[in-house]
């Protein structure tokens, strides 16, 4: 049965699971993120590290897609991809990017704004070789975002590479690696009743974080 897209305004969810208060959040946003991420794991959120990555091209066209967070620490939030992909070109043109986590099971989302820089070759290589062999070979087989005639092209290339690197270490492609987002703004959103959501912001000020509430 086809959905009636003319009545989407009838879809409503009441948020009642939790609240968020300034006095209860961590002083450091990465610690707060870690606390919420741990709760997301315990709540069995499907792929809690899945996040929307938003970029903007040089001509101002916004773009978004889902990628996976691989680790986070006091330096920032790290994900890996093909540097020659669409997102890679856009980050090269404008390294001001945004991340968005949405965990409906907990009625929470986290927005993160910052600047992206490539991780070191050593970081990228270490992570690359920690991936399953199929994922390593897939990175070699696919020139991400490039146009292809059909799926068989990359399937045949993957088959060739599988045979070529049988019993050999797969080299890190020079077009593949990590990005680290260094944040300057994070917003922790907790759904609230009557659309009075809790929104607590961490904004970087020199060497400290300013923590404040914004209106829903």
N, C-alpha and C. Protein backbone atom coordinates (compact mmCIF):
# COMPACT_ATOMS: atom_id res chain seq x y z
N UNK A 1 0.84 -1.20 0.00
CA UNK A 1 0.00 0.00 0.00
C UNK A 1 0.88 1.25 0.00
N UNK A 2 0.61 2.14 -0.90
CA UNK A 2 1.42 3.36 -1.03
C UNK A 2 1.07 4.36 0.06
N UNK A 3 2.11 4.95 0.66
CA UNK A 3 1.90 5.93 1.72
C UNK A 3 1.30 7.22 1.16
N UNK A 4 0.46 7.85 1.95
CA UNK A 4 -0.12 9.13 1.57
C UNK A 4 0.79 10.24 2.08
N UNK A 5 1.58 10.81 1.18
CA UNK A 5 2.56 11.83 1.57
C UNK A 5 1.94 13.20 1.79
N UNK A 6 0.66 13.32 1.54
CA UNK A 6 0.01 14.62 1.73
C UNK A 6 -0.47 14.84 3.16
N UNK A 7 -0.32 13.82 4.01
CA UNK A 7 -0.79 13.94 5.39
C UNK A 7 0.31 13.60 6.40
N UNK A 8 1.54 13.97 6.06
CA UNK A 8 2.65 13.69 6.97
C UNK A 8 2.52 14.46 8.28
N UNK A 9 1.75 15.55 8.26
CA UNK A 9 1.57 16.34 9.49
C UNK A 9 0.80 15.58 10.56
N UNK A 10 0.19 14.46 10.17
CA UNK A 10 -0.54 13.65 11.15
C UNK A 10 0.37 12.75 11.97
N UNK A 11 1.63 12.60 11.53
CA UNK A 11 2.58 11.76 12.26
C UNK A 11 3.13 12.56 13.44
N UNK A 12 2.87 12.08 14.64
CA UNK A 12 3.31 12.81 15.83
C UNK A 12 3.87 11.84 16.86
N UNK A 13 4.92 12.26 17.52
CA UNK A 13 5.51 11.49 18.61
C UNK A 13 5.64 12.37 19.83
N UNK A 14 5.22 11.86 20.96
CA UNK A 14 5.36 12.62 22.21
C UNK A 14 6.63 12.13 22.92
N UNK A 15 7.52 13.06 23.23
CA UNK A 15 8.79 12.72 23.86
C UNK A 15 8.66 12.83 25.38
N UNK A 16 8.87 11.71 26.06
CA UNK A 16 8.63 11.70 27.51
C UNK A 16 9.68 10.92 28.30
N UNK A 17 10.73 10.45 27.64
CA UNK A 17 11.62 9.49 28.29
C UNK A 17 12.57 10.09 29.32
N UNK A 18 13.01 11.31 29.10
CA UNK A 18 14.04 11.86 29.99
C UNK A 18 14.06 13.38 29.89
N UNK A 19 14.91 13.99 30.71
CA UNK A 19 15.14 15.44 30.66
C UNK A 19 16.64 15.68 30.77
N UNK A 20 17.04 16.90 30.48
CA UNK A 20 18.46 17.25 30.49
C UNK A 20 18.62 18.62 31.15
N UNK A 21 19.49 18.69 32.15
CA UNK A 21 19.68 19.94 32.90
C UNK A 21 21.16 20.32 32.94
N UNK A 22 21.40 21.62 32.92
CA UNK A 22 22.77 22.12 32.89
C UNK A 22 23.61 21.59 34.04
N UNK A 23 23.01 21.48 35.23
CA UNK A 23 23.78 21.07 36.40
C UNK A 23 24.14 19.59 36.38
N UNK A 24 23.53 18.83 35.47
CA UNK A 24 23.80 17.39 35.43
C UNK A 24 24.73 16.95 34.31
N UNK A 25 25.10 17.86 33.42
CA UNK A 25 25.97 17.48 32.31
C UNK A 25 27.44 17.58 32.72
N UNK A 26 28.28 16.86 32.00
CA UNK A 26 29.72 16.90 32.27
C UNK A 26 30.29 18.26 31.90
N UNK A 27 31.40 18.61 32.49
CA UNK A 27 32.04 19.90 32.20
C UNK A 27 32.71 19.90 30.83
N UNK A 28 33.01 18.69 30.34
CA UNK A 28 33.69 18.56 29.05
C UNK A 28 32.73 17.87 28.07
N UNK A 29 32.60 18.39 26.84
CA UNK A 29 31.63 17.81 25.90
C UNK A 29 31.96 16.40 25.45
N UNK A 30 33.23 16.05 25.34
CA UNK A 30 33.59 14.69 24.93
C UNK A 30 33.19 13.69 26.01
N UNK A 31 33.34 14.10 27.28
CA UNK A 31 32.89 13.24 28.38
C UNK A 31 31.37 13.08 28.33
N UNK A 32 30.66 14.17 28.07
CA UNK A 32 29.20 14.10 27.95
C UNK A 32 28.81 13.20 26.78
N UNK A 33 29.52 13.33 25.66
CA UNK A 33 29.25 12.48 24.50
C UNK A 33 29.48 11.01 24.86
N UNK A 34 30.59 10.74 25.56
CA UNK A 34 30.90 9.37 25.96
C UNK A 34 29.82 8.80 26.87
N UNK A 35 29.32 9.61 27.79
CA UNK A 35 28.27 9.16 28.69
C UNK A 35 27.01 8.78 27.91
N UNK A 36 26.61 9.65 26.99
CA UNK A 36 25.42 9.37 26.19
C UNK A 36 25.64 8.19 25.25
N UNK A 37 26.84 8.08 24.70
CA UNK A 37 27.13 6.98 23.78
C UNK A 37 27.04 5.65 24.52
N UNK A 38 27.55 5.61 25.74
CA UNK A 38 27.46 4.40 26.56
C UNK A 38 26.01 4.02 26.80
N UNK A 39 25.17 5.02 27.07
CA UNK A 39 23.75 4.76 27.28
C UNK A 39 23.09 4.26 25.99
N UNK A 40 23.55 4.78 24.85
CA UNK A 40 23.00 4.32 23.56
C UNK A 40 23.33 2.85 23.33
N UNK A 41 24.54 2.45 23.70
CA UNK A 41 24.93 1.04 23.56
C UNK A 41 24.07 0.17 24.46
N UNK A 42 23.89 0.58 25.71
CA UNK A 42 23.07 -0.18 26.65
C UNK A 42 21.61 -0.26 26.21
N UNK A 43 21.15 0.78 25.50
CA UNK A 43 19.77 0.79 25.00
C UNK A 43 19.63 0.02 23.69
N UNK A 44 20.75 -0.56 23.23
CA UNK A 44 20.78 -1.34 21.99
C UNK A 44 20.32 -0.53 20.78
N UNK A 45 20.77 0.73 20.74
CA UNK A 45 20.53 1.55 19.56
C UNK A 45 21.24 0.90 18.37
N UNK A 46 20.56 0.79 17.26
CA UNK A 46 21.17 0.19 16.07
C UNK A 46 22.26 1.10 15.53
N UNK A 47 23.48 0.57 15.46
CA UNK A 47 24.64 1.33 14.99
C UNK A 47 24.68 2.74 15.61
N UNK A 48 24.94 2.82 16.91
CA UNK A 48 24.96 4.13 17.57
C UNK A 48 26.04 5.06 17.03
N UNK A 49 27.06 4.49 16.36
CA UNK A 49 28.12 5.33 15.79
C UNK A 49 27.79 5.84 14.40
N UNK A 50 26.60 5.51 13.87
CA UNK A 50 26.18 6.06 12.58
C UNK A 50 25.82 7.53 12.75
N UNK A 51 26.33 8.36 11.87
CA UNK A 51 26.11 9.81 12.00
C UNK A 51 25.95 10.42 10.62
N UNK A 52 25.16 11.47 10.54
CA UNK A 52 25.04 12.23 9.31
C UNK A 52 26.22 13.20 9.22
N UNK A 53 26.92 13.15 8.10
CA UNK A 53 28.01 14.08 7.83
C UNK A 53 27.53 15.10 6.82
N UNK A 54 27.54 16.38 7.21
CA UNK A 54 27.11 17.46 6.32
C UNK A 54 28.32 18.25 5.85
N UNK A 55 28.39 18.47 4.54
CA UNK A 55 29.48 19.24 3.94
C UNK A 55 28.88 20.28 2.99
N UNK A 56 29.73 21.18 2.54
CA UNK A 56 29.30 22.20 1.59
C UNK A 56 30.37 22.37 0.53
N UNK A 57 29.96 22.41 -0.72
CA UNK A 57 30.91 22.59 -1.81
C UNK A 57 31.33 24.05 -1.93
N UNK A 58 32.30 24.29 -2.79
CA UNK A 58 32.81 25.65 -2.97
C UNK A 58 31.73 26.60 -3.47
N UNK A 59 30.75 26.06 -4.23
CA UNK A 59 29.69 26.92 -4.76
C UNK A 59 28.49 27.02 -3.82
N UNK A 60 28.63 26.48 -2.61
CA UNK A 60 27.60 26.64 -1.60
C UNK A 60 26.54 25.56 -1.56
N UNK A 61 26.68 24.50 -2.36
CA UNK A 61 25.70 23.42 -2.34
C UNK A 61 25.91 22.53 -1.12
N UNK A 62 24.90 22.42 -0.28
CA UNK A 62 24.97 21.55 0.89
C UNK A 62 24.78 20.10 0.48
N UNK A 63 25.37 19.19 1.27
CA UNK A 63 25.30 17.76 0.97
C UNK A 63 25.35 17.00 2.29
N UNK A 64 24.72 15.84 2.34
CA UNK A 64 24.72 15.05 3.57
C UNK A 64 24.65 13.57 3.25
N UNK A 65 25.25 12.75 4.11
CA UNK A 65 25.23 11.31 3.98
C UNK A 65 25.57 10.69 5.33
N UNK A 66 25.33 9.40 5.48
CA UNK A 66 25.62 8.72 6.73
C UNK A 66 26.99 8.05 6.65
N UNK A 67 27.81 8.30 7.68
CA UNK A 67 29.11 7.64 7.82
C UNK A 67 29.20 7.11 9.25
N UNK A 68 30.29 6.42 9.56
CA UNK A 68 30.44 5.82 10.88
C UNK A 68 31.58 6.47 11.65
N UNK A 69 31.29 6.86 12.87
CA UNK A 69 32.33 7.35 13.78
C UNK A 69 33.19 6.16 14.20
N UNK A 70 34.51 6.31 14.13
CA UNK A 70 35.38 5.21 14.49
C UNK A 70 36.05 5.40 15.84
N UNK A 71 36.33 6.62 16.23
CA UNK A 71 36.72 6.89 17.61
C UNK A 71 36.67 8.39 17.87
N UNK A 72 36.61 8.71 19.17
CA UNK A 72 36.54 10.11 19.60
C UNK A 72 37.37 10.26 20.86
N UNK A 73 38.05 11.39 20.98
CA UNK A 73 38.83 11.70 22.18
C UNK A 73 38.91 13.21 22.31
N UNK A 74 39.80 13.68 23.18
CA UNK A 74 39.90 15.12 23.41
C UNK A 74 40.34 15.89 22.16
N UNK A 75 40.90 15.17 21.18
CA UNK A 75 41.34 15.83 19.94
C UNK A 75 40.21 16.01 18.94
N UNK A 76 39.19 15.16 19.03
CA UNK A 76 38.09 15.28 18.09
C UNK A 76 37.43 13.97 17.74
N UNK A 77 36.65 14.00 16.64
CA UNK A 77 35.83 12.88 16.21
C UNK A 77 36.35 12.39 14.85
N UNK A 78 36.62 11.09 14.75
CA UNK A 78 37.33 10.56 13.58
C UNK A 78 36.47 9.59 12.78
N UNK A 79 36.46 9.77 11.46
CA UNK A 79 35.84 8.83 10.53
C UNK A 79 36.79 8.64 9.35
N UNK A 80 36.56 7.58 8.59
CA UNK A 80 37.44 7.23 7.47
C UNK A 80 36.64 7.12 6.19
N UNK A 81 37.30 7.46 5.07
CA UNK A 81 36.60 7.44 3.79
C UNK A 81 37.60 7.52 2.65
N UNK A 82 37.07 7.57 1.45
CA UNK A 82 37.87 7.77 0.24
C UNK A 82 38.07 9.28 0.03
N UNK A 83 39.31 9.72 -0.01
CA UNK A 83 39.59 11.15 -0.14
C UNK A 83 39.13 11.72 -1.49
N UNK A 84 38.98 10.85 -2.51
CA UNK A 84 38.56 11.33 -3.83
C UNK A 84 37.06 11.23 -4.03
N UNK A 85 36.34 10.86 -2.98
CA UNK A 85 34.89 10.78 -3.06
C UNK A 85 34.29 12.19 -3.10
N UNK A 86 32.97 12.25 -3.27
CA UNK A 86 32.28 13.54 -3.28
C UNK A 86 32.52 14.28 -1.97
N UNK A 87 32.39 13.56 -0.85
CA UNK A 87 32.59 14.22 0.44
C UNK A 87 34.03 14.68 0.59
N UNK A 88 34.97 13.89 0.07
CA UNK A 88 36.38 14.26 0.15
C UNK A 88 36.68 15.55 -0.60
N UNK A 89 36.11 15.68 -1.79
CA UNK A 89 36.30 16.90 -2.58
C UNK A 89 35.67 18.11 -1.87
N UNK A 90 34.50 17.90 -1.28
CA UNK A 90 33.83 19.00 -0.60
C UNK A 90 34.57 19.44 0.65
N UNK A 91 35.13 18.49 1.39
CA UNK A 91 35.93 18.86 2.57
C UNK A 91 37.18 19.60 2.15
N UNK A 92 37.77 19.22 1.02
CA UNK A 92 38.95 19.94 0.52
C UNK A 92 38.60 21.37 0.14
N UNK A 93 37.39 21.58 -0.34
CA UNK A 93 36.94 22.92 -0.73
C UNK A 93 36.51 23.76 0.47
N UNK A 94 35.94 23.10 1.46
CA UNK A 94 35.45 23.81 2.65
C UNK A 94 35.48 22.83 3.82
N UNK A 95 36.45 22.99 4.70
CA UNK A 95 36.62 22.00 5.77
C UNK A 95 35.77 22.29 7.01
N UNK A 96 34.83 23.23 6.89
CA UNK A 96 33.86 23.45 7.97
C UNK A 96 32.71 22.47 7.77
N UNK A 97 32.60 21.49 8.65
CA UNK A 97 31.63 20.42 8.48
C UNK A 97 30.77 20.26 9.73
N UNK A 98 29.76 19.41 9.64
CA UNK A 98 28.88 19.14 10.78
C UNK A 98 28.58 17.65 10.85
N UNK A 99 28.38 17.17 12.08
CA UNK A 99 27.98 15.79 12.33
C UNK A 99 26.66 15.80 13.09
N UNK A 100 25.84 14.79 12.86
CA UNK A 100 24.58 14.67 13.58
C UNK A 100 24.33 13.22 13.95
N UNK A 101 24.16 12.97 15.25
CA UNK A 101 23.75 11.66 15.74
C UNK A 101 22.28 11.76 16.14
N UNK A 102 21.48 10.76 15.76
CA UNK A 102 20.07 10.71 16.16
C UNK A 102 19.78 9.31 16.70
N UNK A 103 19.38 9.26 17.97
CA UNK A 103 19.09 8.00 18.65
C UNK A 103 17.64 8.01 19.10
N UNK A 104 16.70 7.64 18.23
CA UNK A 104 15.27 7.73 18.57
C UNK A 104 14.89 6.87 19.77
N UNK A 105 15.61 5.76 19.99
CA UNK A 105 15.29 4.91 21.14
C UNK A 105 15.43 5.67 22.46
N UNK A 106 16.31 6.68 22.48
CA UNK A 106 16.53 7.48 23.68
C UNK A 106 15.94 8.89 23.55
N UNK A 107 15.33 9.16 22.38
CA UNK A 107 14.79 10.50 22.10
C UNK A 107 15.89 11.56 22.22
N UNK A 108 17.04 11.27 21.60
CA UNK A 108 18.18 12.16 21.71
C UNK A 108 18.83 12.40 20.35
N UNK A 109 19.43 13.57 20.22
CA UNK A 109 20.32 13.83 19.10
C UNK A 109 21.47 14.71 19.57
N UNK A 110 22.58 14.63 18.84
CA UNK A 110 23.76 15.44 19.14
C UNK A 110 24.24 16.08 17.84
N UNK A 111 24.37 17.39 17.86
CA UNK A 111 24.90 18.14 16.72
C UNK A 111 26.31 18.59 17.06
N UNK A 112 27.23 18.42 16.10
CA UNK A 112 28.62 18.79 16.32
C UNK A 112 29.10 19.59 15.12
N UNK A 113 29.60 20.79 15.36
CA UNK A 113 30.17 21.64 14.31
C UNK A 113 31.66 21.80 14.54
N UNK A 114 32.42 21.83 13.46
CA UNK A 114 33.86 22.00 13.61
C UNK A 114 34.57 22.00 12.28
N UNK A 115 35.87 21.88 12.33
CA UNK A 115 36.70 21.85 11.14
C UNK A 115 37.34 20.48 11.00
N UNK A 116 37.50 20.04 9.76
CA UNK A 116 38.04 18.71 9.48
C UNK A 116 39.46 18.80 8.92
N UNK A 117 40.31 17.93 9.40
CA UNK A 117 41.66 17.76 8.87
C UNK A 117 41.93 16.27 8.71
N UNK A 118 42.79 15.94 7.75
CA UNK A 118 43.13 14.54 7.55
C UNK A 118 43.92 14.02 8.74
N UNK A 119 43.67 12.77 9.10
CA UNK A 119 44.49 12.13 10.12
C UNK A 119 45.86 11.83 9.53
N UNK A 120 46.81 11.49 10.38
CA UNK A 120 48.15 11.16 9.90
C UNK A 120 48.12 9.87 9.09
N UNK A 121 49.12 9.67 8.27
CA UNK A 121 49.23 8.44 7.49
C UNK A 121 49.27 7.24 8.43
N UNK A 122 49.99 7.36 9.53
CA UNK A 122 50.11 6.26 10.48
C UNK A 122 48.76 5.88 11.07
N UNK A 123 47.94 6.89 11.44
CA UNK A 123 46.61 6.61 11.96
C UNK A 123 45.75 5.91 10.93
N UNK A 124 45.79 6.42 9.70
CA UNK A 124 44.98 5.84 8.64
C UNK A 124 45.42 4.40 8.34
N UNK A 125 46.71 4.18 8.30
CA UNK A 125 47.22 2.83 8.00
C UNK A 125 46.86 1.85 9.11
N UNK A 126 47.00 2.29 10.36
CA UNK A 126 46.68 1.41 11.48
C UNK A 126 45.22 1.00 11.45
N UNK A 127 44.33 1.98 11.20
CA UNK A 127 42.91 1.63 11.15
C UNK A 127 42.61 0.75 9.93
N UNK A 128 43.20 1.09 8.78
CA UNK A 128 42.94 0.35 7.55
C UNK A 128 43.23 -1.13 7.74
N UNK A 129 44.35 -1.43 8.38
CA UNK A 129 44.73 -2.83 8.54
C UNK A 129 43.99 -3.52 9.68
N UNK A 130 43.19 -2.75 10.44
CA UNK A 130 42.34 -3.37 11.46
C UNK A 130 40.99 -3.80 10.88
N UNK A 131 40.71 -3.36 9.65
CA UNK A 131 39.43 -3.69 9.02
C UNK A 131 39.43 -5.13 8.50
N UNK A 132 38.24 -5.72 8.33
CA UNK A 132 38.18 -7.03 7.69
C UNK A 132 38.83 -6.99 6.31
N UNK A 133 39.39 -8.11 5.86
CA UNK A 133 40.07 -8.15 4.57
C UNK A 133 39.15 -7.73 3.43
N UNK A 134 37.89 -8.12 3.52
CA UNK A 134 36.94 -7.74 2.48
C UNK A 134 36.77 -6.24 2.38
N UNK A 135 36.77 -5.56 3.52
CA UNK A 135 36.63 -4.10 3.52
C UNK A 135 37.87 -3.44 2.96
N UNK A 136 39.06 -4.00 3.27
CA UNK A 136 40.30 -3.46 2.72
C UNK A 136 40.30 -3.59 1.20
N UNK A 137 39.92 -4.77 0.71
CA UNK A 137 39.88 -4.99 -0.74
C UNK A 137 38.82 -4.12 -1.40
N UNK A 138 37.70 -3.92 -0.70
CA UNK A 138 36.65 -3.07 -1.25
C UNK A 138 37.11 -1.64 -1.45
N UNK A 139 37.96 -1.16 -0.53
CA UNK A 139 38.50 0.21 -0.67
C UNK A 139 39.37 0.33 -1.91
N UNK A 140 40.07 -0.75 -2.25
CA UNK A 140 40.90 -0.74 -3.47
C UNK A 140 40.03 -0.86 -4.72
N UNK A 141 38.97 -1.64 -4.62
CA UNK A 141 38.15 -1.92 -5.80
C UNK A 141 37.27 -0.76 -6.21
N UNK A 142 36.84 0.05 -5.24
CA UNK A 142 35.86 1.09 -5.52
C UNK A 142 36.47 2.48 -5.49
N UNK A 143 36.32 3.21 -6.58
CA UNK A 143 36.66 4.63 -6.60
C UNK A 143 35.37 5.37 -6.26
N UNK A 144 35.15 5.55 -4.96
CA UNK A 144 33.87 6.00 -4.44
C UNK A 144 33.35 7.26 -5.11
N UNK A 145 32.08 7.26 -5.43
CA UNK A 145 31.33 8.36 -6.04
C UNK A 145 31.55 8.50 -7.54
N UNK A 146 32.47 7.72 -8.12
CA UNK A 146 32.69 7.80 -9.56
C UNK A 146 31.61 7.01 -10.30
N UNK A 147 31.26 7.42 -11.48
CA UNK A 147 30.20 6.77 -12.25
C UNK A 147 30.71 5.45 -12.85
N UNK A 148 29.88 4.41 -12.77
CA UNK A 148 30.22 3.13 -13.38
C UNK A 148 29.03 2.62 -14.19
N UNK A 149 29.30 1.76 -15.17
CA UNK A 149 28.25 1.27 -16.05
C UNK A 149 27.34 0.25 -15.36
N UNK A 150 27.94 -0.62 -14.55
CA UNK A 150 27.14 -1.64 -13.87
C UNK A 150 27.93 -2.21 -12.69
N UNK A 151 27.23 -2.97 -11.85
CA UNK A 151 27.83 -3.51 -10.63
C UNK A 151 28.93 -4.55 -10.93
N UNK A 152 28.79 -5.26 -12.05
CA UNK A 152 29.74 -6.32 -12.36
C UNK A 152 31.17 -5.79 -12.50
N UNK A 153 31.30 -4.53 -12.84
CA UNK A 153 32.64 -3.95 -13.01
C UNK A 153 33.42 -4.01 -11.70
N UNK A 154 32.80 -3.57 -10.60
CA UNK A 154 33.53 -3.59 -9.33
C UNK A 154 33.59 -5.00 -8.76
N UNK A 155 32.60 -5.83 -9.05
CA UNK A 155 32.65 -7.21 -8.58
C UNK A 155 33.81 -7.97 -9.22
N UNK A 156 34.02 -7.74 -10.51
CA UNK A 156 35.15 -8.37 -11.20
C UNK A 156 36.47 -7.82 -10.70
N UNK A 157 36.52 -6.53 -10.43
CA UNK A 157 37.74 -5.93 -9.90
C UNK A 157 38.06 -6.49 -8.52
N UNK A 158 37.04 -6.64 -7.70
CA UNK A 158 37.23 -7.21 -6.36
C UNK A 158 37.74 -8.64 -6.46
N UNK A 159 37.21 -9.41 -7.39
CA UNK A 159 37.67 -10.79 -7.58
C UNK A 159 39.14 -10.82 -7.99
N UNK A 160 39.53 -9.91 -8.88
CA UNK A 160 40.93 -9.83 -9.31
C UNK A 160 41.84 -9.45 -8.15
N UNK A 161 41.45 -8.47 -7.36
CA UNK A 161 42.26 -8.02 -6.23
C UNK A 161 42.36 -9.10 -5.15
N UNK A 162 41.29 -9.83 -4.96
CA UNK A 162 41.30 -10.92 -3.98
C UNK A 162 42.36 -11.95 -4.33
N UNK A 163 42.46 -12.25 -5.60
CA UNK A 163 43.47 -13.21 -6.06
C UNK A 163 44.87 -12.59 -6.00
N UNK A 164 44.98 -11.33 -6.38
CA UNK A 164 46.28 -10.65 -6.41
C UNK A 164 46.91 -10.56 -5.04
N UNK A 165 46.11 -10.28 -4.01
CA UNK A 165 46.65 -10.08 -2.66
C UNK A 165 46.44 -11.29 -1.76
N UNK A 166 46.20 -12.43 -2.36
CA UNK A 166 46.06 -13.66 -1.58
C UNK A 166 47.34 -13.91 -0.80
N UNK A 167 47.21 -14.03 0.53
CA UNK A 167 48.35 -14.27 1.42
C UNK A 167 49.34 -13.11 1.45
N UNK A 168 48.90 -11.90 1.07
CA UNK A 168 49.77 -10.72 1.09
C UNK A 168 49.08 -9.61 1.88
N UNK A 169 49.90 -8.72 2.43
CA UNK A 169 49.32 -7.56 3.10
C UNK A 169 48.78 -6.60 2.06
N UNK A 170 47.59 -6.09 2.30
CA UNK A 170 46.96 -5.16 1.37
C UNK A 170 47.45 -3.75 1.69
N UNK A 171 48.03 -3.05 0.72
CA UNK A 171 48.57 -1.72 1.01
C UNK A 171 47.47 -0.68 1.18
N UNK A 172 47.73 0.30 2.04
CA UNK A 172 46.80 1.41 2.21
C UNK A 172 46.80 2.25 0.93
N UNK A 173 45.64 2.42 0.28
CA UNK A 173 45.60 3.28 -0.91
C UNK A 173 45.93 4.72 -0.55
N UNK A 174 46.61 5.42 -1.43
CA UNK A 174 46.98 6.80 -1.12
C UNK A 174 45.77 7.73 -1.15
N UNK A 175 44.63 7.25 -1.65
CA UNK A 175 43.42 8.06 -1.72
C UNK A 175 42.44 7.73 -0.60
N UNK A 176 42.87 7.00 0.40
CA UNK A 176 41.96 6.54 1.46
C UNK A 176 42.55 6.87 2.82
N UNK A 177 41.71 7.33 3.75
CA UNK A 177 42.21 7.64 5.08
C UNK A 177 41.17 8.31 5.95
N UNK A 178 41.64 8.89 7.03
CA UNK A 178 40.73 9.45 8.02
C UNK A 178 40.64 10.96 8.00
N UNK A 179 39.55 11.44 8.60
CA UNK A 179 39.38 12.86 8.90
C UNK A 179 39.08 12.98 10.39
N UNK A 180 39.61 14.02 10.98
CA UNK A 180 39.29 14.33 12.37
C UNK A 180 38.57 15.67 12.42
N UNK A 181 37.36 15.66 12.96
CA UNK A 181 36.65 16.92 13.18
C UNK A 181 37.03 17.46 14.55
N UNK A 182 37.61 18.65 14.57
CA UNK A 182 37.90 19.35 15.82
C UNK A 182 36.71 20.25 16.12
N UNK A 183 35.96 19.95 17.19
CA UNK A 183 34.70 20.67 17.42
C UNK A 183 34.88 22.04 18.08
N UNK A 184 33.97 22.94 17.74
CA UNK A 184 33.89 24.22 18.46
C UNK A 184 32.48 24.46 18.99
N UNK A 185 31.55 23.57 18.61
CA UNK A 185 30.15 23.71 19.04
C UNK A 185 29.50 22.34 19.08
N UNK A 186 28.90 21.99 20.21
CA UNK A 186 28.16 20.75 20.34
C UNK A 186 26.82 21.05 21.01
N UNK A 187 25.77 20.45 20.49
CA UNK A 187 24.45 20.61 21.11
C UNK A 187 23.88 19.24 21.44
N UNK A 188 23.52 19.05 22.71
CA UNK A 188 22.89 17.82 23.18
C UNK A 188 21.39 18.08 23.33
N UNK A 189 20.60 17.33 22.57
CA UNK A 189 19.15 17.53 22.49
C UNK A 189 18.44 16.35 23.09
N UNK A 190 17.59 16.62 24.06
CA UNK A 190 16.75 15.59 24.67
C UNK A 190 15.30 15.94 24.42
N UNK A 191 14.57 15.04 23.76
CA UNK A 191 13.17 15.31 23.47
C UNK A 191 12.35 15.54 24.73
N UNK A 192 11.43 16.50 24.68
CA UNK A 192 10.60 16.83 25.84
C UNK A 192 9.13 16.90 25.50
N UNK A 193 8.28 16.76 26.50
CA UNK A 193 6.84 16.83 26.30
C UNK A 193 6.42 18.19 25.78
N UNK A 194 5.36 18.21 24.97
CA UNK A 194 4.80 19.45 24.41
C UNK A 194 5.82 20.20 23.55
N UNK A 195 6.78 19.46 23.02
CA UNK A 195 7.83 20.04 22.16
C UNK A 195 8.74 21.01 22.90
N UNK A 196 8.72 20.95 24.24
CA UNK A 196 9.64 21.77 25.03
C UNK A 196 10.90 20.96 25.27
N UNK A 197 11.65 20.76 24.20
CA UNK A 197 12.84 19.93 24.25
C UNK A 197 13.95 20.61 25.05
N UNK A 198 14.82 19.80 25.66
CA UNK A 198 16.00 20.32 26.33
C UNK A 198 17.15 20.39 25.34
N UNK A 199 17.80 21.54 25.26
CA UNK A 199 18.93 21.74 24.36
C UNK A 199 20.06 22.41 25.12
N UNK A 200 21.11 21.66 25.37
CA UNK A 200 22.27 22.17 26.10
C UNK A 200 23.45 22.27 25.13
N UNK A 201 24.05 23.44 25.08
CA UNK A 201 25.13 23.73 24.14
C UNK A 201 26.47 23.85 24.85
N UNK A 202 27.51 23.32 24.21
CA UNK A 202 28.91 23.56 24.58
C UNK A 202 29.53 24.37 23.45
N UNK A 203 30.02 25.54 23.76
CA UNK A 203 30.65 26.39 22.74
C UNK A 203 32.07 26.73 23.19
N UNK A 204 33.02 26.51 22.30
CA UNK A 204 34.42 26.72 22.63
C UNK A 204 34.73 28.21 22.78
N UNK A 205 35.32 28.58 23.90
CA UNK A 205 35.75 29.95 24.16
C UNK A 205 37.20 29.90 24.63
N UNK A 206 38.12 30.25 23.74
CA UNK A 206 39.56 30.19 24.06
C UNK A 206 39.91 28.78 24.53
N UNK A 207 40.28 28.62 25.78
CA UNK A 207 40.72 27.31 26.28
C UNK A 207 39.67 26.60 27.12
N UNK A 208 38.44 27.13 27.14
CA UNK A 208 37.39 26.53 27.96
C UNK A 208 36.10 26.40 27.15
N UNK A 209 35.11 25.74 27.76
CA UNK A 209 33.82 25.56 27.12
C UNK A 209 32.75 26.35 27.86
N UNK A 210 31.99 27.12 27.10
CA UNK A 210 30.83 27.82 27.65
C UNK A 210 29.64 26.89 27.52
N UNK A 211 28.96 26.60 28.62
CA UNK A 211 27.83 25.67 28.63
C UNK A 211 26.56 26.46 28.92
N UNK A 212 25.58 26.34 28.05
CA UNK A 212 24.35 27.11 28.24
C UNK A 212 23.17 26.41 27.56
N UNK A 213 21.97 26.82 27.94
CA UNK A 213 20.72 26.28 27.39
C UNK A 213 20.21 27.20 26.29
N UNK A 214 19.62 26.59 25.26
CA UNK A 214 18.95 27.38 24.23
C UNK A 214 17.50 26.94 24.15
N UNK A 215 16.64 27.81 23.65
CA UNK A 215 15.22 27.54 23.58
C UNK A 215 14.91 26.43 22.57
N UNK A 216 13.91 25.63 22.88
CA UNK A 216 13.52 24.59 21.92
C UNK A 216 12.85 25.16 20.67
